[in-house]
N, C-alpha and C. Protein backbone atom coordinates (compact mmCIF):
# COMPACT_ATOMS: atom_id res chain seq x y z
N MET A 1 13.37 -0.16 -10.39
CA MET A 1 13.43 0.68 -11.57
C MET A 1 14.15 1.97 -11.19
N ALA A 2 15.04 2.39 -12.05
CA ALA A 2 15.82 3.58 -11.78
C ALA A 2 14.92 4.81 -11.67
N ALA A 3 15.27 5.68 -10.75
CA ALA A 3 14.50 6.90 -10.53
C ALA A 3 14.78 7.92 -11.63
N ARG A 4 13.73 8.32 -12.33
CA ARG A 4 13.81 9.40 -13.31
C ARG A 4 12.62 10.33 -13.13
N GLU A 5 11.41 9.75 -13.29
CA GLU A 5 10.19 10.53 -13.18
C GLU A 5 9.97 11.07 -11.76
N ILE A 6 10.30 10.26 -10.76
CA ILE A 6 10.06 10.71 -9.38
C ILE A 6 10.98 11.87 -9.00
N LEU A 7 12.12 12.00 -9.68
CA LEU A 7 13.03 13.11 -9.40
C LEU A 7 12.35 14.44 -9.70
N ARG A 8 11.49 14.44 -10.72
CA ARG A 8 10.75 15.67 -11.08
C ARG A 8 9.77 16.09 -9.99
N LEU A 9 9.38 15.11 -9.16
CA LEU A 9 8.47 15.41 -8.04
C LEU A 9 9.24 15.77 -6.78
N GLY A 10 10.55 15.81 -6.87
CA GLY A 10 11.37 16.12 -5.71
C GLY A 10 11.59 14.93 -4.79
N LEU A 11 11.42 13.73 -5.32
CA LEU A 11 11.58 12.51 -4.54
C LEU A 11 12.90 11.82 -4.89
N ALA A 12 13.45 11.12 -3.93
CA ALA A 12 14.65 10.33 -4.15
C ALA A 12 14.35 8.89 -3.75
N GLU A 13 15.22 7.98 -4.16
CA GLU A 13 15.05 6.57 -3.83
C GLU A 13 14.98 6.36 -2.33
N ARG A 14 14.00 5.56 -1.89
CA ARG A 14 13.82 5.15 -0.50
C ARG A 14 13.66 6.33 0.46
N SER A 15 13.13 7.43 -0.05
CA SER A 15 12.99 8.63 0.78
C SER A 15 11.55 8.95 1.13
N TYR A 16 10.62 8.02 0.83
CA TYR A 16 9.21 8.33 1.05
C TYR A 16 8.39 7.09 1.39
N ILE A 17 7.29 7.37 2.07
CA ILE A 17 6.26 6.39 2.38
C ILE A 17 5.22 6.56 1.28
N LEU A 18 4.68 5.44 0.78
CA LEU A 18 3.76 5.51 -0.35
C LEU A 18 2.39 4.95 0.00
N TYR A 19 1.36 5.66 -0.45
CA TYR A 19 -0.02 5.17 -0.47
C TYR A 19 -0.49 5.32 -1.91
N VAL A 20 -1.11 4.28 -2.47
CA VAL A 20 -1.67 4.34 -3.81
C VAL A 20 -3.12 3.88 -3.73
N GLY A 21 -4.02 4.71 -4.24
CA GLY A 21 -5.43 4.34 -4.27
C GLY A 21 -6.31 5.57 -4.34
N ARG A 22 -7.59 5.31 -4.46
CA ARG A 22 -8.55 6.42 -4.44
C ARG A 22 -8.45 7.15 -3.11
N LEU A 23 -8.61 8.43 -3.15
CA LEU A 23 -8.65 9.21 -1.92
C LEU A 23 -10.11 9.36 -1.52
N SER A 24 -10.63 8.28 -0.91
CA SER A 24 -12.00 8.26 -0.42
C SER A 24 -11.97 7.80 1.03
N GLU A 25 -12.99 8.15 1.77
CA GLU A 25 -12.97 7.96 3.21
C GLU A 25 -12.70 6.53 3.65
N GLU A 26 -13.31 5.54 2.98
CA GLU A 26 -13.13 4.15 3.40
C GLU A 26 -11.70 3.66 3.21
N LYS A 27 -10.92 4.35 2.40
CA LYS A 27 -9.52 3.97 2.18
C LYS A 27 -8.61 4.43 3.33
N GLY A 28 -9.11 5.34 4.18
CA GLY A 28 -8.40 5.69 5.41
C GLY A 28 -7.21 6.63 5.27
N ALA A 29 -7.11 7.35 4.17
CA ALA A 29 -5.98 8.27 4.00
C ALA A 29 -5.93 9.32 5.10
N HIS A 30 -7.08 9.69 5.66
CA HIS A 30 -7.10 10.68 6.75
C HIS A 30 -6.39 10.13 7.99
N HIS A 31 -6.51 8.82 8.23
CA HIS A 31 -5.79 8.23 9.36
C HIS A 31 -4.28 8.25 9.11
N LEU A 32 -3.90 7.99 7.87
CA LEU A 32 -2.48 8.01 7.52
C LEU A 32 -1.92 9.42 7.70
N LEU A 33 -2.63 10.42 7.22
CA LEU A 33 -2.16 11.80 7.38
C LEU A 33 -2.06 12.19 8.85
N SER A 34 -3.06 11.84 9.63
CA SER A 34 -3.03 12.17 11.07
C SER A 34 -1.84 11.50 11.76
N ALA A 35 -1.60 10.24 11.43
CA ALA A 35 -0.48 9.51 12.04
C ALA A 35 0.85 10.10 11.59
N TYR A 36 0.98 10.35 10.31
CA TYR A 36 2.24 10.86 9.77
C TYR A 36 2.61 12.22 10.36
N ARG A 37 1.63 13.10 10.51
CA ARG A 37 1.91 14.45 11.03
C ARG A 37 2.46 14.42 12.45
N ARG A 38 2.29 13.31 13.16
CA ARG A 38 2.82 13.17 14.52
C ARG A 38 4.30 12.79 14.54
N LEU A 39 4.82 12.38 13.40
CA LEU A 39 6.18 11.86 13.34
C LEU A 39 7.18 12.95 12.99
N ALA A 40 8.30 12.92 13.66
CA ALA A 40 9.41 13.82 13.33
C ALA A 40 10.34 13.03 12.41
N THR A 41 10.10 13.12 11.11
CA THR A 41 10.87 12.38 10.13
C THR A 41 11.09 13.22 8.90
N ASP A 42 12.20 12.97 8.22
CA ASP A 42 12.42 13.62 6.94
C ASP A 42 11.96 12.74 5.78
N CYS A 43 11.45 11.55 6.10
CA CYS A 43 10.88 10.66 5.09
C CYS A 43 9.54 11.26 4.66
N ARG A 44 9.37 11.49 3.38
CA ARG A 44 8.16 12.14 2.88
C ARG A 44 6.99 11.16 2.81
N LEU A 45 5.80 11.69 2.66
CA LEU A 45 4.58 10.90 2.46
C LEU A 45 4.01 11.25 1.10
N VAL A 46 3.84 10.23 0.27
CA VAL A 46 3.28 10.41 -1.07
C VAL A 46 1.93 9.73 -1.13
N LEU A 47 0.90 10.51 -1.45
CA LEU A 47 -0.46 10.00 -1.63
C LEU A 47 -0.76 10.06 -3.12
N ALA A 48 -0.76 8.91 -3.77
CA ALA A 48 -0.94 8.83 -5.22
C ALA A 48 -2.30 8.24 -5.54
N GLY A 49 -3.15 9.05 -6.12
CA GLY A 49 -4.47 8.57 -6.51
C GLY A 49 -5.43 9.71 -6.70
N PRO A 50 -6.54 9.41 -7.34
CA PRO A 50 -7.52 10.46 -7.62
C PRO A 50 -8.38 10.79 -6.40
N PRO A 51 -8.67 12.08 -6.20
CA PRO A 51 -9.60 12.44 -5.13
C PRO A 51 -11.01 12.02 -5.49
N CYS A 52 -11.76 11.55 -4.50
CA CYS A 52 -13.15 11.16 -4.71
C CYS A 52 -14.03 12.05 -3.85
N GLY A 53 -14.40 13.16 -4.38
CA GLY A 53 -15.26 14.10 -3.67
C GLY A 53 -14.49 15.28 -3.12
N ARG A 54 -15.00 16.46 -3.36
CA ARG A 54 -14.33 17.69 -2.93
C ARG A 54 -14.26 17.83 -1.42
N ARG A 55 -15.32 17.44 -0.74
CA ARG A 55 -15.35 17.60 0.71
C ARG A 55 -14.25 16.77 1.38
N TYR A 56 -14.16 15.49 1.01
CA TYR A 56 -13.15 14.63 1.62
C TYR A 56 -11.74 15.08 1.23
N TYR A 57 -11.55 15.43 -0.04
CA TYR A 57 -10.23 15.89 -0.47
C TYR A 57 -9.84 17.17 0.27
N GLY A 58 -10.81 18.05 0.48
CA GLY A 58 -10.54 19.26 1.26
C GLY A 58 -10.12 18.92 2.69
N ARG A 59 -10.76 17.92 3.26
CA ARG A 59 -10.39 17.46 4.60
C ARG A 59 -8.95 16.95 4.63
N LEU A 60 -8.57 16.19 3.60
CA LEU A 60 -7.19 15.70 3.52
C LEU A 60 -6.20 16.84 3.39
N ARG A 61 -6.52 17.81 2.56
CA ARG A 61 -5.63 18.97 2.39
C ARG A 61 -5.50 19.75 3.70
N ASP A 62 -6.60 19.85 4.44
CA ASP A 62 -6.55 20.52 5.75
C ASP A 62 -5.66 19.75 6.71
N LEU A 63 -5.77 18.41 6.72
CA LEU A 63 -4.93 17.60 7.59
C LEU A 63 -3.46 17.72 7.21
N ALA A 64 -3.18 17.86 5.93
CA ALA A 64 -1.79 18.02 5.48
C ALA A 64 -1.25 19.39 5.84
N GLY A 65 -2.14 20.37 5.90
CA GLY A 65 -1.72 21.72 6.24
C GLY A 65 -0.64 22.21 5.28
N ALA A 66 0.33 22.90 5.81
CA ALA A 66 1.44 23.42 5.00
C ALA A 66 2.66 22.52 5.06
N ASP A 67 2.46 21.29 5.50
CA ASP A 67 3.58 20.35 5.67
C ASP A 67 4.18 20.01 4.30
N GLN A 68 5.37 20.50 4.04
CA GLN A 68 6.04 20.31 2.76
C GLN A 68 6.51 18.88 2.53
N ARG A 69 6.45 18.05 3.57
CA ARG A 69 6.86 16.65 3.43
C ARG A 69 5.79 15.82 2.73
N ILE A 70 4.57 16.34 2.63
CA ILE A 70 3.43 15.59 2.08
C ILE A 70 3.20 15.99 0.62
N LEU A 71 3.07 14.98 -0.23
CA LEU A 71 2.88 15.21 -1.65
C LEU A 71 1.63 14.47 -2.13
N PHE A 72 0.69 15.20 -2.70
CA PHE A 72 -0.47 14.64 -3.38
C PHE A 72 -0.15 14.64 -4.87
N THR A 73 -0.09 13.47 -5.49
CA THR A 73 0.28 13.42 -6.91
C THR A 73 -0.90 13.45 -7.85
N GLY A 74 -2.10 13.15 -7.34
CA GLY A 74 -3.23 12.92 -8.24
C GLY A 74 -3.09 11.53 -8.85
N PRO A 75 -3.90 11.23 -9.88
CA PRO A 75 -3.82 9.91 -10.50
C PRO A 75 -2.46 9.71 -11.16
N VAL A 76 -1.91 8.51 -11.03
CA VAL A 76 -0.64 8.19 -11.68
C VAL A 76 -0.76 6.85 -12.40
N ARG A 77 0.03 6.69 -13.43
CA ARG A 77 0.06 5.42 -14.17
C ARG A 77 1.38 5.33 -14.91
N GLY A 78 1.57 4.23 -15.57
CA GLY A 78 2.75 4.06 -16.41
C GLY A 78 4.05 4.08 -15.62
N ARG A 79 5.06 4.66 -16.24
CA ARG A 79 6.40 4.67 -15.65
C ARG A 79 6.43 5.35 -14.29
N LEU A 80 5.71 6.45 -14.13
CA LEU A 80 5.72 7.14 -12.85
C LEU A 80 5.21 6.23 -11.74
N LEU A 81 4.13 5.51 -11.98
CA LEU A 81 3.59 4.59 -10.98
C LEU A 81 4.61 3.50 -10.67
N GLU A 82 5.23 2.95 -11.71
CA GLU A 82 6.24 1.91 -11.50
C GLU A 82 7.40 2.44 -10.66
N GLU A 83 7.83 3.65 -10.95
CA GLU A 83 8.93 4.24 -10.17
C GLU A 83 8.52 4.50 -8.73
N LEU A 84 7.30 4.96 -8.53
CA LEU A 84 6.84 5.19 -7.16
C LEU A 84 6.89 3.90 -6.35
N PHE A 85 6.37 2.82 -6.93
CA PHE A 85 6.42 1.52 -6.24
C PHE A 85 7.86 1.03 -6.06
N SER A 86 8.68 1.17 -7.09
CA SER A 86 10.04 0.64 -7.06
C SER A 86 10.95 1.33 -6.05
N ASN A 87 10.68 2.56 -5.74
CA ASN A 87 11.61 3.35 -4.95
C ASN A 87 11.10 3.76 -3.57
N ALA A 88 9.92 3.29 -3.19
CA ALA A 88 9.37 3.64 -1.87
C ALA A 88 10.16 2.97 -0.76
N ARG A 89 10.23 3.63 0.37
CA ARG A 89 10.85 3.01 1.55
C ARG A 89 9.86 2.06 2.21
N LEU A 90 8.57 2.42 2.16
CA LEU A 90 7.53 1.65 2.82
C LEU A 90 6.21 1.94 2.14
N TYR A 91 5.34 0.94 2.06
CA TYR A 91 4.00 1.12 1.51
C TYR A 91 3.00 0.99 2.65
N VAL A 92 2.01 1.88 2.71
CA VAL A 92 0.99 1.84 3.76
C VAL A 92 -0.39 1.72 3.14
N GLN A 93 -1.18 0.77 3.65
CA GLN A 93 -2.56 0.52 3.21
C GLN A 93 -3.46 0.72 4.43
N PRO A 94 -4.02 1.93 4.62
CA PRO A 94 -4.79 2.22 5.84
C PRO A 94 -6.29 1.95 5.74
N SER A 95 -6.72 1.16 4.78
CA SER A 95 -8.15 0.95 4.50
C SER A 95 -8.94 0.50 5.71
N GLN A 96 -10.16 1.02 5.78
CA GLN A 96 -11.13 0.55 6.77
C GLN A 96 -12.09 -0.44 6.13
N LEU A 97 -12.18 -0.40 4.81
CA LEU A 97 -13.06 -1.27 4.03
C LEU A 97 -12.33 -1.56 2.73
N GLU A 98 -12.19 -2.83 2.38
CA GLU A 98 -11.37 -3.18 1.22
C GLU A 98 -11.74 -4.57 0.75
N GLY A 99 -11.59 -4.79 -0.53
CA GLY A 99 -11.59 -6.15 -1.05
C GLY A 99 -10.13 -6.58 -1.06
N LEU A 100 -9.78 -7.45 -1.95
CA LEU A 100 -8.37 -7.79 -2.12
C LEU A 100 -7.74 -6.63 -2.90
N SER A 101 -6.90 -5.88 -2.25
CA SER A 101 -6.34 -4.66 -2.83
C SER A 101 -5.27 -4.96 -3.87
N LEU A 102 -5.54 -4.57 -5.09
CA LEU A 102 -4.55 -4.74 -6.15
C LEU A 102 -3.34 -3.84 -5.92
N ALA A 103 -3.57 -2.65 -5.36
CA ALA A 103 -2.44 -1.75 -5.07
C ALA A 103 -1.52 -2.39 -4.03
N LEU A 104 -2.09 -3.04 -3.02
CA LEU A 104 -1.26 -3.72 -2.02
C LEU A 104 -0.48 -4.86 -2.65
N LEU A 105 -1.12 -5.67 -3.48
CA LEU A 105 -0.42 -6.76 -4.15
C LEU A 105 0.69 -6.22 -5.06
N GLU A 106 0.40 -5.12 -5.72
CA GLU A 106 1.43 -4.53 -6.58
C GLU A 106 2.60 -4.02 -5.75
N ALA A 107 2.31 -3.37 -4.63
CA ALA A 107 3.39 -2.91 -3.74
C ALA A 107 4.24 -4.08 -3.28
N MET A 108 3.58 -5.17 -2.91
CA MET A 108 4.30 -6.37 -2.48
C MET A 108 5.16 -6.92 -3.61
N SER A 109 4.62 -6.92 -4.83
CA SER A 109 5.36 -7.48 -5.97
C SER A 109 6.63 -6.68 -6.27
N TYR A 110 6.64 -5.42 -5.90
CA TYR A 110 7.83 -4.58 -6.09
C TYR A 110 8.81 -4.72 -4.93
N GLY A 111 8.48 -5.56 -3.96
CA GLY A 111 9.39 -5.79 -2.85
C GLY A 111 9.35 -4.72 -1.78
N ASN A 112 8.20 -4.06 -1.64
CA ASN A 112 8.06 -3.05 -0.59
C ASN A 112 7.72 -3.69 0.74
N GLY A 113 8.31 -3.20 1.81
CA GLY A 113 7.81 -3.52 3.13
C GLY A 113 6.44 -2.87 3.23
N CYS A 114 5.44 -3.59 3.75
CA CYS A 114 4.07 -3.09 3.76
C CYS A 114 3.50 -3.07 5.17
N LEU A 115 2.84 -1.97 5.48
CA LEU A 115 2.14 -1.77 6.74
C LEU A 115 0.67 -1.59 6.40
N VAL A 116 -0.19 -2.47 6.95
CA VAL A 116 -1.61 -2.47 6.58
C VAL A 116 -2.51 -2.40 7.81
N SER A 117 -3.70 -1.87 7.60
CA SER A 117 -4.71 -1.92 8.67
C SER A 117 -5.09 -3.38 8.88
N ASP A 118 -5.58 -3.69 10.07
CA ASP A 118 -5.83 -5.09 10.42
C ASP A 118 -7.20 -5.62 10.01
N ILE A 119 -7.73 -5.11 8.90
CA ILE A 119 -8.97 -5.70 8.40
C ILE A 119 -8.63 -7.05 7.76
N PRO A 120 -9.56 -7.99 7.77
CA PRO A 120 -9.26 -9.35 7.30
C PRO A 120 -8.68 -9.41 5.88
N GLU A 121 -9.17 -8.58 4.98
CA GLU A 121 -8.70 -8.62 3.60
C GLU A 121 -7.22 -8.26 3.49
N ASN A 122 -6.80 -7.25 4.23
CA ASN A 122 -5.39 -6.86 4.22
C ASN A 122 -4.52 -7.92 4.88
N LEU A 123 -5.00 -8.47 5.99
CA LEU A 123 -4.21 -9.48 6.70
C LEU A 123 -4.06 -10.75 5.86
N GLU A 124 -5.09 -11.10 5.11
CA GLU A 124 -5.01 -12.25 4.22
C GLU A 124 -3.95 -12.02 3.14
N ALA A 125 -3.95 -10.83 2.56
CA ALA A 125 -2.99 -10.53 1.49
C ALA A 125 -1.56 -10.51 2.02
N ILE A 126 -1.33 -9.86 3.13
CA ILE A 126 0.03 -9.66 3.63
C ILE A 126 0.59 -10.90 4.32
N GLY A 127 -0.28 -11.68 4.97
CA GLY A 127 0.21 -12.86 5.68
C GLY A 127 1.31 -12.49 6.66
N PRO A 128 2.36 -13.31 6.74
CA PRO A 128 3.47 -13.02 7.66
C PRO A 128 4.54 -12.12 7.03
N ALA A 129 4.24 -11.53 5.87
CA ALA A 129 5.26 -10.78 5.12
C ALA A 129 5.19 -9.28 5.32
N GLY A 130 4.61 -8.82 6.41
CA GLY A 130 4.52 -7.38 6.65
C GLY A 130 3.99 -7.12 8.04
N TRP A 131 3.51 -5.91 8.26
CA TRP A 131 3.05 -5.49 9.58
C TRP A 131 1.65 -4.93 9.48
N HIS A 132 0.98 -4.89 10.63
CA HIS A 132 -0.36 -4.32 10.66
C HIS A 132 -0.52 -3.41 11.88
N PHE A 133 -1.56 -2.60 11.82
CA PHE A 133 -1.94 -1.71 12.91
C PHE A 133 -3.45 -1.78 13.07
N ARG A 134 -3.95 -1.27 14.17
CA ARG A 134 -5.38 -1.31 14.46
C ARG A 134 -6.12 -0.37 13.50
N SER A 135 -7.03 -0.91 12.74
CA SER A 135 -7.79 -0.15 11.76
C SER A 135 -8.51 1.03 12.42
N GLY A 136 -8.44 2.17 11.77
CA GLY A 136 -9.14 3.35 12.26
C GLY A 136 -8.42 4.06 13.39
N SER A 137 -7.21 3.63 13.74
CA SER A 137 -6.48 4.22 14.86
C SER A 137 -5.20 4.92 14.41
N PRO A 138 -5.25 6.25 14.29
CA PRO A 138 -4.02 6.98 13.96
C PRO A 138 -2.92 6.76 15.00
N ASP A 139 -3.30 6.55 16.27
CA ASP A 139 -2.29 6.30 17.31
C ASP A 139 -1.53 5.01 17.01
N SER A 140 -2.26 3.94 16.74
CA SER A 140 -1.64 2.66 16.43
C SER A 140 -0.78 2.76 15.17
N LEU A 141 -1.29 3.45 14.16
CA LEU A 141 -0.56 3.63 12.91
C LEU A 141 0.72 4.44 13.13
N ALA A 142 0.64 5.53 13.88
CA ALA A 142 1.81 6.37 14.13
C ALA A 142 2.89 5.60 14.88
N GLU A 143 2.47 4.82 15.86
CA GLU A 143 3.43 4.04 16.64
C GLU A 143 4.16 3.04 15.75
N ARG A 144 3.41 2.29 14.96
CA ARG A 144 4.00 1.27 14.10
C ARG A 144 4.85 1.91 13.00
N LEU A 145 4.35 2.97 12.40
CA LEU A 145 5.06 3.65 11.32
C LEU A 145 6.38 4.23 11.82
N GLY A 146 6.35 4.87 12.96
CA GLY A 146 7.58 5.44 13.53
C GLY A 146 8.62 4.37 13.78
N GLY A 147 8.19 3.23 14.31
CA GLY A 147 9.12 2.13 14.57
C GLY A 147 9.74 1.59 13.29
N LEU A 148 8.93 1.47 12.25
CA LEU A 148 9.45 0.94 10.98
C LEU A 148 10.41 1.92 10.31
N LEU A 149 10.14 3.21 10.42
CA LEU A 149 11.05 4.18 9.84
C LEU A 149 12.40 4.17 10.55
N ASP A 150 12.38 3.83 11.83
CA ASP A 150 13.63 3.74 12.59
C ASP A 150 14.42 2.48 12.27
N HIS A 151 13.79 1.47 11.68
CA HIS A 151 14.43 0.19 11.37
C HIS A 151 14.32 -0.11 9.88
N ARG A 152 15.04 0.64 9.11
CA ARG A 152 14.99 0.58 7.65
C ARG A 152 15.31 -0.80 7.08
N GLU A 153 16.32 -1.46 7.62
CA GLU A 153 16.74 -2.76 7.10
C GLU A 153 15.63 -3.80 7.29
N GLU A 154 14.91 -3.69 8.39
CA GLU A 154 13.80 -4.62 8.65
C GLU A 154 12.72 -4.48 7.58
N ALA A 155 12.44 -3.25 7.19
CA ALA A 155 11.43 -3.01 6.15
C ALA A 155 11.89 -3.58 4.82
N LEU A 156 13.17 -3.43 4.50
CA LEU A 156 13.69 -3.96 3.24
C LEU A 156 13.63 -5.48 3.22
N ALA A 157 13.96 -6.12 4.34
CA ALA A 157 13.90 -7.59 4.42
C ALA A 157 12.46 -8.08 4.28
N ALA A 158 11.53 -7.39 4.91
CA ALA A 158 10.11 -7.77 4.79
C ALA A 158 9.62 -7.61 3.36
N GLY A 159 10.17 -6.64 2.66
CA GLY A 159 9.80 -6.45 1.27
C GLY A 159 10.13 -7.66 0.41
N GLN A 160 11.24 -8.30 0.70
CA GLN A 160 11.59 -9.51 -0.05
C GLN A 160 10.62 -10.64 0.26
N LEU A 161 10.20 -10.75 1.53
CA LEU A 161 9.19 -11.74 1.89
C LEU A 161 7.87 -11.46 1.18
N ALA A 162 7.52 -10.17 1.10
CA ALA A 162 6.27 -9.79 0.42
C ALA A 162 6.31 -10.17 -1.05
N ARG A 163 7.44 -9.93 -1.70
CA ARG A 163 7.58 -10.28 -3.11
C ARG A 163 7.40 -11.79 -3.31
N THR A 164 8.03 -12.56 -2.45
CA THR A 164 7.90 -14.01 -2.53
C THR A 164 6.46 -14.45 -2.30
N ARG A 165 5.79 -13.83 -1.33
CA ARG A 165 4.39 -14.19 -1.04
C ARG A 165 3.50 -13.94 -2.26
N VAL A 166 3.68 -12.82 -2.92
CA VAL A 166 2.88 -12.52 -4.11
C VAL A 166 3.15 -13.56 -5.20
N GLN A 167 4.40 -13.89 -5.40
CA GLN A 167 4.74 -14.87 -6.44
C GLN A 167 4.14 -16.23 -6.13
N GLN A 168 4.12 -16.62 -4.85
CA GLN A 168 3.61 -17.93 -4.48
C GLN A 168 2.09 -18.01 -4.43
N HIS A 169 1.43 -16.94 -3.99
CA HIS A 169 -0.01 -17.00 -3.74
C HIS A 169 -0.88 -16.20 -4.71
N TYR A 170 -0.32 -15.19 -5.38
CA TYR A 170 -1.14 -14.31 -6.19
C TYR A 170 -0.65 -14.19 -7.63
N ASN A 171 0.21 -15.09 -8.04
CA ASN A 171 0.69 -15.13 -9.41
C ASN A 171 -0.49 -15.45 -10.33
N TRP A 172 -0.66 -14.65 -11.38
CA TRP A 172 -1.83 -14.78 -12.25
C TRP A 172 -1.94 -16.18 -12.85
N ASP A 173 -0.84 -16.74 -13.33
CA ASP A 173 -0.90 -18.07 -13.94
C ASP A 173 -1.33 -19.13 -12.93
N ARG A 174 -0.82 -19.06 -11.71
CA ARG A 174 -1.21 -20.03 -10.68
C ARG A 174 -2.67 -19.86 -10.29
N VAL A 175 -3.10 -18.62 -10.16
CA VAL A 175 -4.49 -18.38 -9.78
C VAL A 175 -5.44 -18.90 -10.85
N THR A 176 -5.14 -18.63 -12.12
CA THR A 176 -6.03 -19.11 -13.18
C THR A 176 -5.97 -20.63 -13.31
N ASP A 177 -4.81 -21.23 -13.08
CA ASP A 177 -4.73 -22.70 -13.10
C ASP A 177 -5.61 -23.30 -12.01
N ARG A 178 -5.57 -22.70 -10.82
CA ARG A 178 -6.40 -23.20 -9.71
C ARG A 178 -7.89 -23.03 -10.01
N LEU A 179 -8.23 -21.88 -10.59
CA LEU A 179 -9.63 -21.63 -10.93
C LEU A 179 -10.11 -22.61 -11.99
N GLU A 180 -9.28 -22.87 -12.97
CA GLU A 180 -9.63 -23.83 -14.02
C GLU A 180 -9.81 -25.23 -13.42
N ALA A 181 -8.93 -25.62 -12.51
CA ALA A 181 -9.05 -26.93 -11.85
C ALA A 181 -10.34 -27.01 -11.04
N LEU A 182 -10.70 -25.92 -10.37
CA LEU A 182 -11.95 -25.88 -9.61
C LEU A 182 -13.15 -26.08 -10.53
N TYR A 183 -13.17 -25.40 -11.67
CA TYR A 183 -14.26 -25.57 -12.63
C TYR A 183 -14.34 -27.01 -13.13
N ARG A 184 -13.19 -27.59 -13.42
CA ARG A 184 -13.19 -28.99 -13.86
C ARG A 184 -13.77 -29.91 -12.79
N ASP A 185 -13.35 -29.70 -11.54
CA ASP A 185 -13.86 -30.50 -10.43
C ASP A 185 -15.37 -30.35 -10.29
N LEU A 186 -15.86 -29.12 -10.41
CA LEU A 186 -17.29 -28.87 -10.29
C LEU A 186 -18.06 -29.55 -11.43
N LEU A 187 -17.51 -29.47 -12.63
CA LEU A 187 -18.16 -30.13 -13.77
C LEU A 187 -18.19 -31.65 -13.60
N SER A 188 -17.08 -32.22 -13.15
CA SER A 188 -17.06 -33.68 -12.98
C SER A 188 -17.97 -34.09 -11.82
N TRP A 189 -18.07 -33.28 -10.79
CA TRP A 189 -18.97 -33.57 -9.68
C TRP A 189 -20.42 -33.52 -10.16
N ARG A 190 -20.74 -32.53 -10.98
CA ARG A 190 -22.10 -32.38 -11.49
C ARG A 190 -22.46 -33.56 -12.40
N ARG A 191 -21.53 -33.98 -13.23
CA ARG A 191 -21.80 -35.13 -14.12
C ARG A 191 -22.02 -36.40 -13.32
N ALA A 192 -21.24 -36.54 -12.25
CA ALA A 192 -21.36 -37.75 -11.40
C ALA A 192 -22.67 -37.74 -10.63
N ALA A 193 -23.20 -36.58 -10.32
CA ALA A 193 -24.44 -36.49 -9.56
C ALA A 193 -25.58 -36.76 -10.49
């Protein structure tokens, strides 16, 4: 999607790393901020989502310090959210605790290269179509993130794999067809019993 709304935030196409989600401790944004602050990069960090609790949000603001490369957008939706996903250089999911992340699936559907913490839920979603780092480790995250920022084409290629993975495994019509087939099987099994 063409950049219009993100320009108002001072962002350009493929010039930022994106995180989308609640800003709560289990989502691991503090690890992302700690890792990012170690990198010498002009690629910005965008944290898009509502703060959950003043204390934790204050901690995140302290970690960001006066670093002008970091942008907290607050809650986003509509065209702005679509543009953020469409124009990110890389999507990062640093969760320490997660179900199947809809934000991660959405990032993948937009063709973003994705870097996720190595919790089982994230690894299941990303499969071979992205990268992971050791959950809860800013060192591991910084190392992996720095390497990916240095290899831009690799991230773009992985984004295409991610898009394909979402279409093959998480397409709504396919998922509902499979669920419907499962219900039919269960009903026929119950009748036979």
